[in-house]
Amino acid sequence: MPSTGTTVAQLGERGLLTRVLANIPASRDAELGAGDDAAVLHAPDGRVVITVDTMNEGPDFRRDWSSGEDLGRKAIASNLADIAAMGARPTGLVIALALPGSLPDAWVEDFARGLSCALDECAPGVGIVGGDLATAERIQISVTAFGDLERRAPVVRSGARSGDVIALAGDAGRSAAGLALLAAYANDEPLEQLRESCGPGGTALLAAQLRPVAPIAAGPAAARASASAMMDVSDGLLLDAHRMAEASNVTMRFERALLEPFAERLARELSESPGLPDDPLELVLRGGEDHALLATFPVDVVLPEAFTRIGEVLPPEPSRLLLDDEGREPIGWDPFSN
């Protein structure tokens, strides 16, 4: 349905819902989808995995940096990565939007399009089964996602054991590099002009920040391969690994040589954008919002295809985190202090 150029307030709740529902996919796991007072999802396992995430305009995103489609894609990646990190298969989502009345209706259509495109790319067959609409001075996006363990045990943070292999599926540091690009240049030139001026490498980093792609299928694959622990890397590799190490009462030792390929890729992409952080390895260790999956596996397990070995689990030491033999602090993204 083409945009009419009207605002959200002029369109009203009924018209807004029509626009949203016309652009979002149904879920194959829904017995009853969007349109009633509540949805009904199949739960053949007898258990349901649930997660929720909120993005607020201002602290979490800027409209001059992120389009509606960008935010729709990011909402899917950030939520389904948490489902995948439990070893579960996503089954559906409900989304609550609080929007300013002056917001153009085209933004809402773009947001719905972003949801649909991200689901098609990373979780085919998963859809939006319901949600809520409200008004607010700034955009607020809250997403609740559901998943099915398919009769497997959940893969939790507390399962890592000494001797396990540490592995990563997805990107590390690229989203943080994209954010650094935005912070350095986007206030001085429009985003489209920045995309043109920063070269292919910089453009790819901007996409990693604005439209992260999470390795959703890798979560259930890790569970099938007997992963002992797993979590979504949303706040940085060091900080999230420290959470896993504390939960499991172990030390996580990363090997610099195994992280270098991630840093070398970043270095190539950053080479076209002078003035940005000059230590790509630190971005790999401390950057967040890539929504990669950090997992541990017994040493004799063949890693699933999406995973790359990056270290080993050791008995608990005074430092929960080691880079080779150097102790590291759990520095990453904290929304209350960054």
Protein backbone atom coordinates (compact mmCIF):
# COMPACT_ATOMS: atom_id res chain seq x y z
CA MET A 1 0.00 0.00 0.00
CA PRO A 2 1.65 3.29 -1.03
CA SER A 3 2.27 6.04 1.49
CA THR A 4 -0.18 8.93 1.44
CA GLY A 5 2.22 11.46 2.97
CA THR A 6 0.05 11.70 6.09
CA THR A 7 1.23 11.55 9.69
CA VAL A 8 0.61 8.84 12.27
CA ALA A 9 -1.92 11.08 14.05
CA GLN A 10 -3.85 11.72 10.84
CA LEU A 11 -3.86 8.04 9.96
CA GLY A 12 -5.16 6.92 13.36
CA GLU A 13 -4.75 3.55 15.07
CA ARG A 14 -6.94 1.60 12.66
CA GLY A 15 -5.22 2.97 9.57
CA LEU A 16 -1.80 2.49 11.13
CA LEU A 17 -2.53 -1.14 11.93
CA THR A 18 -3.66 -1.69 8.35
CA ARG A 19 -0.34 -0.34 7.10
CA VAL A 20 1.69 -2.47 9.50
CA LEU A 21 -0.20 -5.72 8.98
CA ALA A 22 0.04 -5.35 5.21
CA ASN A 23 3.83 -5.50 5.42
CA ILE A 24 4.61 -8.19 8.00
CA PRO A 25 4.77 -11.97 7.54
CA ALA A 26 2.62 -14.48 9.39
CA SER A 27 4.24 -17.16 11.54
CA ARG A 28 4.05 -20.82 10.61
CA ASP A 29 3.96 -21.62 14.35
CA ALA A 30 0.86 -19.52 15.01
CA GLU A 31 -2.50 -21.22 15.46
CA LEU A 32 -3.97 -17.71 15.70
CA GLY A 33 -1.98 -14.70 14.57
CA ALA A 34 -2.39 -10.93 14.67
CA GLY A 35 -5.88 -9.43 14.65
CA ASP A 36 -7.51 -10.81 17.81
CA ASP A 37 -7.11 -9.88 21.48
CA ALA A 38 -4.16 -12.26 21.76
CA ALA A 39 -2.24 -14.69 19.60
CA VAL A 40 -1.94 -18.45 20.00
CA LEU A 41 1.42 -20.11 19.27
CA HIS A 42 2.06 -23.83 19.05
CA ALA A 43 4.35 -25.15 21.82
CA PRO A 44 4.93 -28.81 20.96
CA ASP A 45 7.89 -29.00 23.36
CA GLY A 46 5.72 -27.96 26.30
CA ARG A 47 8.17 -25.15 27.11
CA VAL A 48 8.46 -21.66 25.61
CA VAL A 49 11.63 -19.56 25.40
CA ILE A 50 10.84 -15.84 25.84
CA THR A 51 12.94 -12.68 25.60
CA VAL A 52 12.19 -8.96 25.40
CA ASP A 53 14.21 -5.95 24.28
CA THR A 54 13.46 -2.22 24.14
CA MET A 55 14.95 0.48 21.91
CA ASN A 56 14.33 4.13 22.77
CA GLU A 57 14.95 7.08 20.49
CA GLY A 58 17.84 9.06 21.97
CA PRO A 59 19.86 6.62 24.08
CA ASP A 60 19.51 3.70 21.63
CA PHE A 61 19.14 5.26 18.18
CA ARG A 62 18.91 8.53 16.29
CA ARG A 63 16.42 9.08 13.51
CA ASP A 64 18.93 11.06 11.47
CA TRP A 65 21.17 7.97 11.48
CA SER A 66 18.65 5.11 11.36
CA SER A 67 15.72 4.76 8.98
CA GLY A 68 12.55 2.89 9.86
CA GLU A 69 13.82 -0.08 7.87
CA ASP A 70 17.15 -0.01 9.72
CA LEU A 71 15.36 -0.16 13.06
CA GLY A 72 13.04 -2.94 11.94
CA ARG A 73 16.02 -5.04 10.91
CA LYS A 74 17.91 -4.26 14.11
CA ALA A 75 14.90 -5.13 16.28
CA ILE A 76 14.74 -8.58 14.69
CA ALA A 77 18.48 -9.26 15.02
CA SER A 78 18.73 -8.19 18.65
CA ASN A 79 15.75 -10.25 19.79
CA LEU A 80 16.12 -13.42 17.76
CA ALA A 81 19.81 -13.62 18.72
CA ASP A 82 18.70 -14.05 22.35
CA ILE A 83 16.37 -16.88 21.35
CA ALA A 84 19.10 -18.54 19.28
CA ALA A 85 21.57 -18.18 22.16
CA MET A 86 19.39 -20.54 24.22
CA GLY A 87 19.66 -23.12 21.44
CA ALA A 88 16.04 -22.52 20.46
CA ARG A 89 14.30 -22.02 17.12
CA PRO A 90 12.37 -18.73 16.92
CA THR A 91 8.61 -19.14 16.51
CA GLY A 92 7.11 -15.63 16.62
CA LEU A 93 7.30 -12.07 17.91
CA VAL A 94 5.00 -9.40 19.35
CA ILE A 95 5.94 -5.75 18.91
CA ALA A 96 4.82 -2.68 20.86
CA LEU A 97 5.34 0.72 19.22
CA ALA A 98 4.94 4.10 20.90
CA LEU A 99 5.10 6.82 18.22
CA PRO A 100 4.90 10.62 18.02
CA GLY A 101 1.74 11.77 16.28
CA SER A 102 3.82 13.91 13.90
CA LEU A 103 5.75 10.90 12.58
CA PRO A 104 5.19 10.35 8.82
CA ASP A 105 3.23 7.21 8.02
CA ALA A 106 6.00 6.25 5.58
CA TRP A 107 8.30 5.63 8.55
CA VAL A 108 5.92 2.98 9.87
CA GLU A 109 5.78 1.24 6.49
CA ASP A 110 9.59 1.31 6.32
CA PHE A 111 9.81 -0.18 9.82
CA ALA A 112 7.42 -3.00 8.90
CA ARG A 113 9.41 -3.62 5.73
CA GLY A 114 12.60 -3.92 7.79
CA LEU A 115 10.95 -6.47 10.07
CA SER A 116 9.79 -8.50 7.10
CA CYS A 117 13.13 -8.40 5.25
CA ALA A 118 15.11 -9.40 8.34
CA LEU A 119 12.78 -12.32 9.08
CA ASP A 120 12.97 -13.52 5.48
CA GLU A 121 16.78 -13.42 5.61
CA CYS A 122 17.54 -14.93 9.01
CA ALA A 123 14.42 -16.78 10.17
CA PRO A 124 12.14 -17.79 7.29
CA GLY A 125 8.69 -18.85 8.46
CA VAL A 126 8.83 -16.72 11.62
CA GLY A 127 6.35 -13.84 11.78
CA ILE A 128 4.81 -11.10 13.87
CA VAL A 129 1.81 -12.48 15.78
CA GLY A 130 0.62 -9.34 17.57
CA GLY A 131 1.58 -6.20 19.43
CA ASP A 132 0.42 -2.81 20.62
CA LEU A 133 0.34 0.82 19.47
CA ALA A 134 0.61 3.89 21.69
CA THR A 135 1.65 7.53 21.50
CA ALA A 136 4.84 9.05 22.89
CA GLU A 137 7.01 12.11 22.41
CA ARG A 138 9.78 9.92 20.95
CA ILE A 139 9.80 6.54 19.23
CA GLN A 140 9.86 3.54 21.55
CA ILE A 141 10.16 0.00 20.20
CA SER A 142 9.62 -3.03 22.42
CA VAL A 143 9.89 -6.53 20.98
CA THR A 144 9.09 -9.83 22.68
CA ALA A 145 10.26 -12.98 20.89
CA PHE A 146 9.33 -16.62 21.46
CA GLY A 147 11.20 -19.82 20.70
CA ASP A 148 10.95 -23.61 20.72
CA LEU A 149 13.67 -25.79 22.26
CA GLU A 150 12.54 -28.76 20.12
CA ARG A 151 12.81 -31.10 23.14
CA ARG A 152 16.46 -30.18 23.80
CA ALA A 153 17.78 -28.75 27.06
CA PRO A 154 18.31 -24.98 26.96
CA VAL A 155 21.92 -23.92 26.46
CA VAL A 156 22.63 -21.58 29.38
CA ARG A 157 25.53 -19.34 30.42
CA SER A 158 26.46 -21.49 33.40
CA GLY A 159 27.42 -24.63 31.49
CA ALA A 160 31.03 -23.87 30.45
CA ARG A 161 33.56 -26.34 31.85
CA SER A 162 37.34 -26.33 32.10
CA GLY A 163 38.81 -27.83 28.94
CA ASP A 164 35.98 -26.65 26.69
CA VAL A 165 36.68 -24.83 23.44
CA ILE A 166 35.44 -21.22 23.12
CA ALA A 167 33.93 -20.42 19.72
CA LEU A 168 32.19 -17.51 18.03
CA ALA A 169 29.57 -17.37 15.27
CA GLY A 170 29.11 -14.02 13.53
CA ASP A 171 30.94 -10.69 13.57
CA ALA A 172 33.07 -9.10 16.28
CA GLY A 173 33.81 -5.38 16.45
CA ARG A 174 32.27 -4.37 13.15
CA SER A 175 29.14 -2.80 14.63
CA ALA A 176 31.26 -0.76 17.06
CA ALA A 177 33.43 0.38 14.16
CA GLY A 178 30.31 1.49 12.30
CA LEU A 179 29.18 3.46 15.35
CA ALA A 180 32.61 5.10 15.53
CA LEU A 181 32.20 6.12 11.88
CA LEU A 182 28.82 7.67 12.61
CA ALA A 183 30.10 9.50 15.67
CA ALA A 184 33.13 10.85 13.81
CA TYR A 185 31.52 12.01 10.59
CA ALA A 186 27.71 11.88 10.53
CA ASN A 187 27.30 15.16 12.39
CA ASP A 188 29.25 16.93 9.65
CA GLU A 189 27.70 15.35 6.57
CA PRO A 190 24.40 13.62 5.75
CA LEU A 191 24.36 9.85 6.15
CA GLU A 192 23.92 9.20 2.42
CA GLN A 193 26.93 11.39 1.66
CA LEU A 194 28.92 9.58 4.34
CA ARG A 195 28.10 6.25 2.72
CA GLU A 196 29.45 7.56 -0.58
CA SER A 197 32.61 9.06 0.91
CA CYS A 198 33.77 6.28 3.24
CA GLY A 199 34.27 3.60 0.57
CA PRO A 200 33.03 0.01 0.44
CA GLY A 201 34.71 -0.93 3.71
CA GLY A 202 33.17 1.93 5.64
CA THR A 203 29.79 1.33 4.04
CA ALA A 204 29.92 -2.29 5.20
CA LEU A 205 30.73 -1.15 8.75
CA LEU A 206 27.82 1.30 8.75
CA ALA A 207 25.54 -1.55 7.71
CA ALA A 208 26.94 -3.72 10.53
CA GLN A 209 25.87 -1.04 13.03
CA LEU A 210 22.57 0.02 11.48
CA ARG A 211 21.43 -3.36 10.14
CA PRO A 212 23.21 -6.14 12.06
CA VAL A 213 22.65 -9.68 10.81
CA ALA A 214 22.62 -12.26 13.59
CA PRO A 215 23.52 -15.93 12.93
CA ILE A 216 20.14 -17.25 14.09
CA ALA A 217 20.44 -20.75 12.62
CA ALA A 218 23.78 -21.21 14.41
CA GLY A 219 22.05 -21.32 17.81
CA PRO A 220 20.05 -24.52 17.30
CA ALA A 221 23.02 -25.97 15.39
CA ALA A 222 25.22 -25.38 18.44
CA ALA A 223 22.65 -27.04 20.69
CA ARG A 224 22.53 -30.08 18.41
CA ALA A 225 26.35 -30.20 18.58
CA SER A 226 26.29 -30.39 22.40
CA ALA A 227 27.32 -26.80 23.18
CA SER A 228 27.88 -26.57 26.93
CA ALA A 229 27.16 -22.82 27.23
CA MET A 230 26.08 -20.02 24.91
CA MET A 231 25.02 -16.37 24.88
CA ASP A 232 24.36 -13.46 22.55
CA VAL A 233 27.26 -10.99 22.32
CA SER A 234 25.39 -7.70 22.52
CA ASP A 235 27.56 -5.73 24.96
CA GLY A 236 31.05 -6.72 23.79
CA LEU A 237 33.07 -9.92 23.78
CA LEU A 238 34.96 -9.20 27.02
CA LEU A 239 31.93 -8.09 29.01
CA ASP A 240 29.66 -10.90 27.86
CA ALA A 241 32.38 -13.53 28.23
CA HIS A 242 32.93 -12.31 31.79
CA ARG A 243 29.23 -12.89 32.48
CA MET A 244 29.56 -16.45 31.19
CA ALA A 245 32.76 -17.02 33.16
CA GLU A 246 31.13 -15.85 36.40
CA ALA A 247 28.00 -17.92 35.81
CA SER A 248 30.11 -21.02 35.09
CA ASN A 249 32.83 -20.32 37.69
CA VAL A 250 35.62 -20.61 35.12
CA THR A 251 38.18 -18.42 33.36
CA MET A 252 37.80 -17.64 29.66
CA ARG A 253 41.12 -17.48 27.82
CA PHE A 254 41.08 -15.90 24.36
CA GLU A 255 43.97 -16.49 21.97
CA ARG A 256 45.24 -13.39 20.21
CA ALA A 257 46.25 -15.38 17.13
CA LEU A 258 42.71 -16.75 16.76
CA LEU A 259 41.16 -13.27 17.08
CA GLU A 260 43.55 -11.68 14.58
CA PRO A 261 41.48 -12.65 11.49
CA PHE A 262 38.56 -10.63 12.93
CA ALA A 263 40.92 -7.70 13.59
CA GLU A 264 42.53 -7.93 10.15
CA ARG A 265 39.15 -7.71 8.44
CA LEU A 266 38.32 -4.65 10.53
CA ALA A 267 41.68 -3.08 9.70
CA ARG A 268 41.00 -3.45 5.98
CA GLU A 269 37.55 -1.90 6.29
CA LEU A 270 38.79 0.92 8.52
CA SER A 271 41.74 1.76 6.27
CA GLU A 272 39.51 3.96 4.09
CA SER A 273 38.34 6.06 7.04
CA PRO A 274 41.21 7.95 8.74
CA GLY A 275 40.77 9.22 12.26
CA LEU A 276 38.95 6.17 13.59
CA PRO A 277 40.19 3.78 16.31
CA ASP A 278 43.62 2.47 15.31
CA ASP A 279 43.53 -0.80 17.29
CA PRO A 280 41.06 -3.13 15.57
CA LEU A 281 41.72 -5.90 18.11
CA GLU A 282 40.34 -3.69 20.89
CA LEU A 283 37.17 -3.16 18.84
CA VAL A 284 36.88 -6.94 18.47
CA LEU A 285 37.24 -7.40 22.23
CA ARG A 286 35.15 -4.47 23.47
CA GLY A 287 32.67 -3.59 20.72
CA GLY A 288 29.02 -4.57 21.09
CA GLU A 289 25.82 -4.93 19.05
CA ASP A 290 27.17 -7.42 16.51
CA HIS A 291 24.78 -10.00 18.02
CA ALA A 292 27.23 -12.81 17.46
CA LEU A 293 26.88 -16.05 19.42
CA LEU A 294 29.58 -16.93 21.96
CA ALA A 295 29.58 -20.63 22.83
CA THR A 296 31.66 -23.30 24.51
CA PHE A 297 31.92 -26.89 23.34
CA PRO A 298 33.54 -30.05 24.68
CA VAL A 299 37.00 -30.35 23.16
CA ASP A 300 36.16 -33.48 21.14
CA VAL A 301 33.13 -31.91 19.39
CA VAL A 302 33.30 -30.90 15.73
CA LEU A 303 32.29 -27.24 15.70
CA PRO A 304 29.21 -26.37 13.64
CA GLU A 305 30.07 -24.67 10.37
CA ALA A 306 29.20 -21.14 11.52
CA PHE A 307 31.55 -21.23 14.54
CA THR A 308 35.23 -20.29 14.75
CA ARG A 309 37.43 -21.35 17.66
CA ILE A 310 38.79 -18.33 19.59
CA GLY A 311 40.05 -19.75 22.88
CA GLU A 312 39.66 -22.23 25.70
CA VAL A 313 37.98 -22.52 29.09
CA LEU A 314 40.29 -22.81 32.12
CA PRO A 315 39.72 -23.51 35.81
CA PRO A 316 38.86 -20.36 37.78
CA GLU A 317 41.80 -17.96 38.21
CA PRO A 318 42.01 -14.53 39.87
CA SER A 319 41.17 -13.05 36.46
CA ARG A 320 38.02 -14.34 34.78
CA LEU A 321 39.33 -13.12 31.40
CA LEU A 322 42.67 -13.72 29.75
CA LEU A 323 44.06 -12.62 26.38
CA ASP A 324 46.81 -15.18 25.99
CA ASP A 325 48.28 -14.85 29.51
CA GLU A 326 47.27 -11.23 30.16
CA GLY A 327 44.36 -10.51 32.47
CA ARG A 328 41.67 -8.29 30.96
CA GLU A 329 38.89 -6.22 32.51
CA PRO A 330 35.24 -6.82 31.47
CA ILE A 331 34.87 -3.55 29.57
CA GLY A 332 31.97 -3.21 27.12
CA TRP A 333 28.64 -1.48 26.61
CA ASP A 334 26.59 -0.50 29.68
CA PRO A 335 23.48 1.62 28.83
CA PHE A 336 23.58 3.22 32.29
CA SER A 337 27.21 4.37 32.11
CA ASN A 338 28.10 4.76 28.41
